[in-house]
C-alpha cells in the first residue's frame, strides 16, 4: 500500500488567520477566572470553531455575534481587554473572508 507524502510547504490563507484568532480568543477566555461567564463563552467559542461552523461561515458569523452580545451584557464581570481585542480581530478577519469569497479568492 502506498502512503501519500506530507507536503513540505503550505499556502497560508485568510482562513488560517481566522482559525488562529479563534484559538487565541479561546486561550484568553480560558485564562479568565472560572465563572459561569467563562464557561458560556468557551461553549460558544467551541461551537464557532466546530466543523459545522467552518463549513458554514454564516453560522460562524452568528456565533460571533452571540459571543459579542454575551460580552456586552456582562460588562460588569470584566472579561478583559484581550478578549475584546480578539473578538474585534475575528470580526475583521471574518469580514475579509466574506469579501474574499465574493471575489472568488477563497474556497
C-alpha atoms as a PDB file:
ATOM      1  CA  UNK A   1       0.000   0.000   0.000  1.00  0.00           C
ATOM      2  CA  UNK A   2       1.292   3.433  -0.942  1.00  0.00           C
ATOM      3  CA  UNK A   3       1.146   6.332   1.505  1.00  0.00           C
ATOM      4  CA  UNK A   4       0.782   9.956   0.480  1.00  0.00           C
ATOM      5  CA  UNK A   5       3.789  12.120   1.191  1.00  0.00           C
ATOM      6  CA  UNK A   6       3.268  15.016   3.540  1.00  0.00           C
ATOM      7  CA  UNK A   7       3.585  18.359   1.755  1.00  0.00           C
ATOM      8  CA  UNK A   8       6.687  20.339   2.662  1.00  0.00           C
ATOM      9  CA  UNK A   9       5.114  23.768   2.261  1.00  0.00           C
ATOM     10  CA  UNK A  10       1.686  25.128   2.931  1.00  0.00           C
ATOM     11  CA  UNK A  11      -0.005  28.166   1.485  1.00  0.00           C
ATOM     12  CA  UNK A  12      -1.187  30.405   4.288  1.00  0.00           C
ATOM     13  CA  UNK A  13      -4.653  31.781   3.695  1.00  0.00           C
ATOM     14  CA  UNK A  14      -7.012  34.170   5.421  1.00  0.00           C
ATOM     15  CA  UNK A  15      -8.802  31.105   6.786  1.00  0.00           C
ATOM     16  CA  UNK A  16      -5.700  30.105   8.749  1.00  0.00           C
ATOM     17  CA  UNK A  17      -5.622  33.632  10.219  1.00  0.00           C
ATOM     18  CA  UNK A  18      -9.261  33.200  11.211  1.00  0.00           C
ATOM     19  CA  UNK A  19      -8.557  29.860  12.870  1.00  0.00           C
ATOM     20  CA  UNK A  20      -5.585  31.305  14.732  1.00  0.00           C
ATOM     21  CA  UNK A  21      -7.601  34.232  16.063  1.00  0.00           C
ATOM     22  CA  UNK A  22     -10.377  31.948  17.301  1.00  0.00           C
ATOM     23  CA  UNK A  23      -7.779  29.856  19.126  1.00  0.00           C
ATOM     24  CA  UNK A  24      -6.201  32.958  20.690  1.00  0.00           C
ATOM     25  CA  UNK A  25      -9.652  34.149  21.811  1.00  0.00           C
ATOM     26  CA  UNK A  26     -10.325  30.767  23.382  1.00  0.00           C
ATOM     27  CA  UNK A  27      -6.953  30.834  25.165  1.00  0.00           C
ATOM     28  CA  UNK A  28      -7.754  34.312  26.531  1.00  0.00           C
ATOM     29  CA  UNK A  29     -11.127  33.162  27.843  1.00  0.00           C
ATOM     30  CA  UNK A  30      -9.568  30.080  29.452  1.00  0.00           C
ATOM     31  CA  UNK A  31      -7.231  32.428  31.348  1.00  0.00           C
ATOM     32  CA  UNK A  32     -10.205  34.277  32.856  1.00  0.00           C
ATOM     33  CA  UNK A  33     -11.145  33.444  36.442  1.00  0.00           C
ATOM     34  CA  UNK A  34     -13.527  30.472  36.498  1.00  0.00           C
ATOM     35  CA  UNK A  35     -17.126  31.618  36.291  1.00  0.00           C
ATOM     36  CA  UNK A  36     -20.414  30.950  34.575  1.00  0.00           C
ATOM     37  CA  UNK A  37     -19.493  33.621  32.010  1.00  0.00           C
ATOM     38  CA  UNK A  38     -16.217  31.884  31.218  1.00  0.00           C
ATOM     39  CA  UNK A  39     -17.970  28.556  30.699  1.00  0.00           C
ATOM     40  CA  UNK A  40     -20.642  30.130  28.472  1.00  0.00           C
ATOM     41  CA  UNK A  41     -18.015  31.841  26.334  1.00  0.00           C
ATOM     42  CA  UNK A  42     -15.955  28.665  25.957  1.00  0.00           C
ATOM     43  CA  UNK A  43     -19.076  26.751  24.912  1.00  0.00           C
ATOM     44  CA  UNK A  44     -19.965  29.287  22.202  1.00  0.00           C
ATOM     45  CA  UNK A  45     -16.347  29.668  21.035  1.00  0.00           C
ATOM     46  CA  UNK A  46     -16.097  25.901  20.647  1.00  0.00           C
ATOM     47  CA  UNK A  47     -19.344  25.958  18.687  1.00  0.00           C
ATOM     48  CA  UNK A  48     -17.977  28.706  16.429  1.00  0.00           C
ATOM     49  CA  UNK A  49     -14.821  26.658  15.832  1.00  0.00           C
ATOM     50  CA  UNK A  50     -16.746  23.432  15.159  1.00  0.00           C
ATOM     51  CA  UNK A  51     -16.650  21.639  11.833  1.00  0.00           C
ATOM     52  CA  UNK A  52     -20.255  22.667  11.153  1.00  0.00           C
ATOM     53  CA  UNK A  53     -19.388  26.347  11.565  1.00  0.00           C
ATOM     54  CA  UNK A  54     -16.242  26.090   9.483  1.00  0.00           C
ATOM     55  CA  UNK A  55     -18.300  24.551   6.671  1.00  0.00           C
ATOM     56  CA  UNK A  56     -20.982  27.256   7.051  1.00  0.00           C
ATOM     57  CA  UNK A  57     -19.331  30.599   7.742  1.00  0.00           C
ATOM     58  CA  UNK A  58     -22.714  32.274   8.217  1.00  0.00           C
ATOM     59  CA  UNK A  59     -23.175  30.009  11.221  1.00  0.00           C
ATOM     60  CA  UNK A  60     -19.766  31.154  12.492  1.00  0.00           C
ATOM     61  CA  UNK A  61     -20.815  34.769  11.988  1.00  0.00           C
ATOM     62  CA  UNK A  62     -23.956  34.182  14.079  1.00  0.00           C
ATOM     63  CA  UNK A  63     -21.895  32.563  16.838  1.00  0.00           C
ATOM     64  CA  UNK A  64     -19.529  35.542  16.850  1.00  0.00           C
ATOM     65  CA  UNK A  65     -22.465  37.945  17.202  1.00  0.00           C
ATOM     66  CA  UNK A  66     -23.837  35.891  20.085  1.00  0.00           C
ATOM     67  CA  UNK A  67     -20.450  35.962  21.840  1.00  0.00           C
ATOM     68  CA  UNK A  68     -20.245  39.756  21.336  1.00  0.00           C
ATOM     69  CA  UNK A  69     -23.716  40.131  22.845  1.00  0.00           C
ATOM     70  CA  UNK A  70     -22.848  37.998  25.874  1.00  0.00           C
ATOM     71  CA  UNK A  71     -19.690  40.031  26.485  1.00  0.00           C
ATOM     72  CA  UNK A  72     -21.578  43.337  26.136  1.00  0.00           C
ATOM     73  CA  UNK A  73     -24.302  42.207  28.542  1.00  0.00           C
ATOM     74  CA  UNK A  74     -21.731  41.126  31.123  1.00  0.00           C
ATOM     75  CA  UNK A  75     -19.550  44.236  31.170  1.00  0.00           C
ATOM     76  CA  UNK A  76     -19.613  44.277  34.964  1.00  0.00           C
ATOM     77  CA  UNK A  77     -17.824  40.899  35.041  1.00  0.00           C
ATOM     78  CA  UNK A  78     -14.739  42.363  33.331  1.00  0.00           C
ATOM     79  CA  UNK A  79     -13.915  39.960  30.537  1.00  0.00           C
ATOM     80  CA  UNK A  80     -10.635  41.716  29.935  1.00  0.00           C
ATOM     81  CA  UNK A  81      -9.311  43.854  27.146  1.00  0.00           C
ATOM     82  CA  UNK A  82      -7.520  40.940  25.475  1.00  0.00           C
ATOM     83  CA  UNK A  83     -10.812  39.065  24.945  1.00  0.00           C
ATOM     84  CA  UNK A  84     -12.407  42.127  23.381  1.00  0.00           C
ATOM     85  CA  UNK A  85      -9.378  42.697  21.144  1.00  0.00           C
ATOM     86  CA  UNK A  86      -9.521  39.094  19.860  1.00  0.00           C
ATOM     87  CA  UNK A  87     -13.254  39.444  19.222  1.00  0.00           C
ATOM     88  CA  UNK A  88     -12.574  42.543  17.138  1.00  0.00           C
ATOM     89  CA  UNK A  89      -9.771  40.752  15.303  1.00  0.00           C
ATOM     90  CA  UNK A  90     -12.069  37.840  14.448  1.00  0.00           C
ATOM     91  CA  UNK A  91     -14.796  40.234  13.280  1.00  0.00           C
ATOM     92  CA  UNK A  92     -12.359  41.973  10.937  1.00  0.00           C
ATOM     93  CA  UNK A  93     -10.894  38.756   9.563  1.00  0.00           C
ATOM     94  CA  UNK A  94     -14.321  37.183   9.071  1.00  0.00           C
ATOM     95  CA  UNK A  95     -15.419  40.273   7.125  1.00  0.00           C
ATOM     96  CA  UNK A  96     -12.304  39.922   4.984  1.00  0.00           C
ATOM     97  CA  UNK A  97     -13.082  36.228   4.426  1.00  0.00           C
ATOM     98  CA  UNK A  98     -16.568  37.107   3.168  1.00  0.00           C
ATOM     99  CA  UNK A  99     -15.096  39.762   0.841  1.00  0.00           C
ATOM    100  CA  UNK A 100     -12.577  37.227  -0.463  1.00  0.00           C
ATOM    101  CA  UNK A 101     -15.350  34.708  -1.110  1.00  0.00           C
ATOM    102  CA  UNK A 102     -17.302  37.338  -3.055  1.00  0.00           C
ATOM    103  CA  UNK A 103     -14.250  37.910  -5.245  1.00  0.00           C
ATOM    104  CA  UNK A 104     -13.674  34.172  -5.714  1.00  0.00           C
ATOM    105  CA  UNK A 105     -10.363  34.223  -3.842  1.00  0.00           C
ATOM    106  CA  UNK A 106     -11.279  31.773  -1.071  1.00  0.00           C
ATOM    107  CA  UNK A 107     -12.944  28.347  -1.276  1.00  0.00           C
END
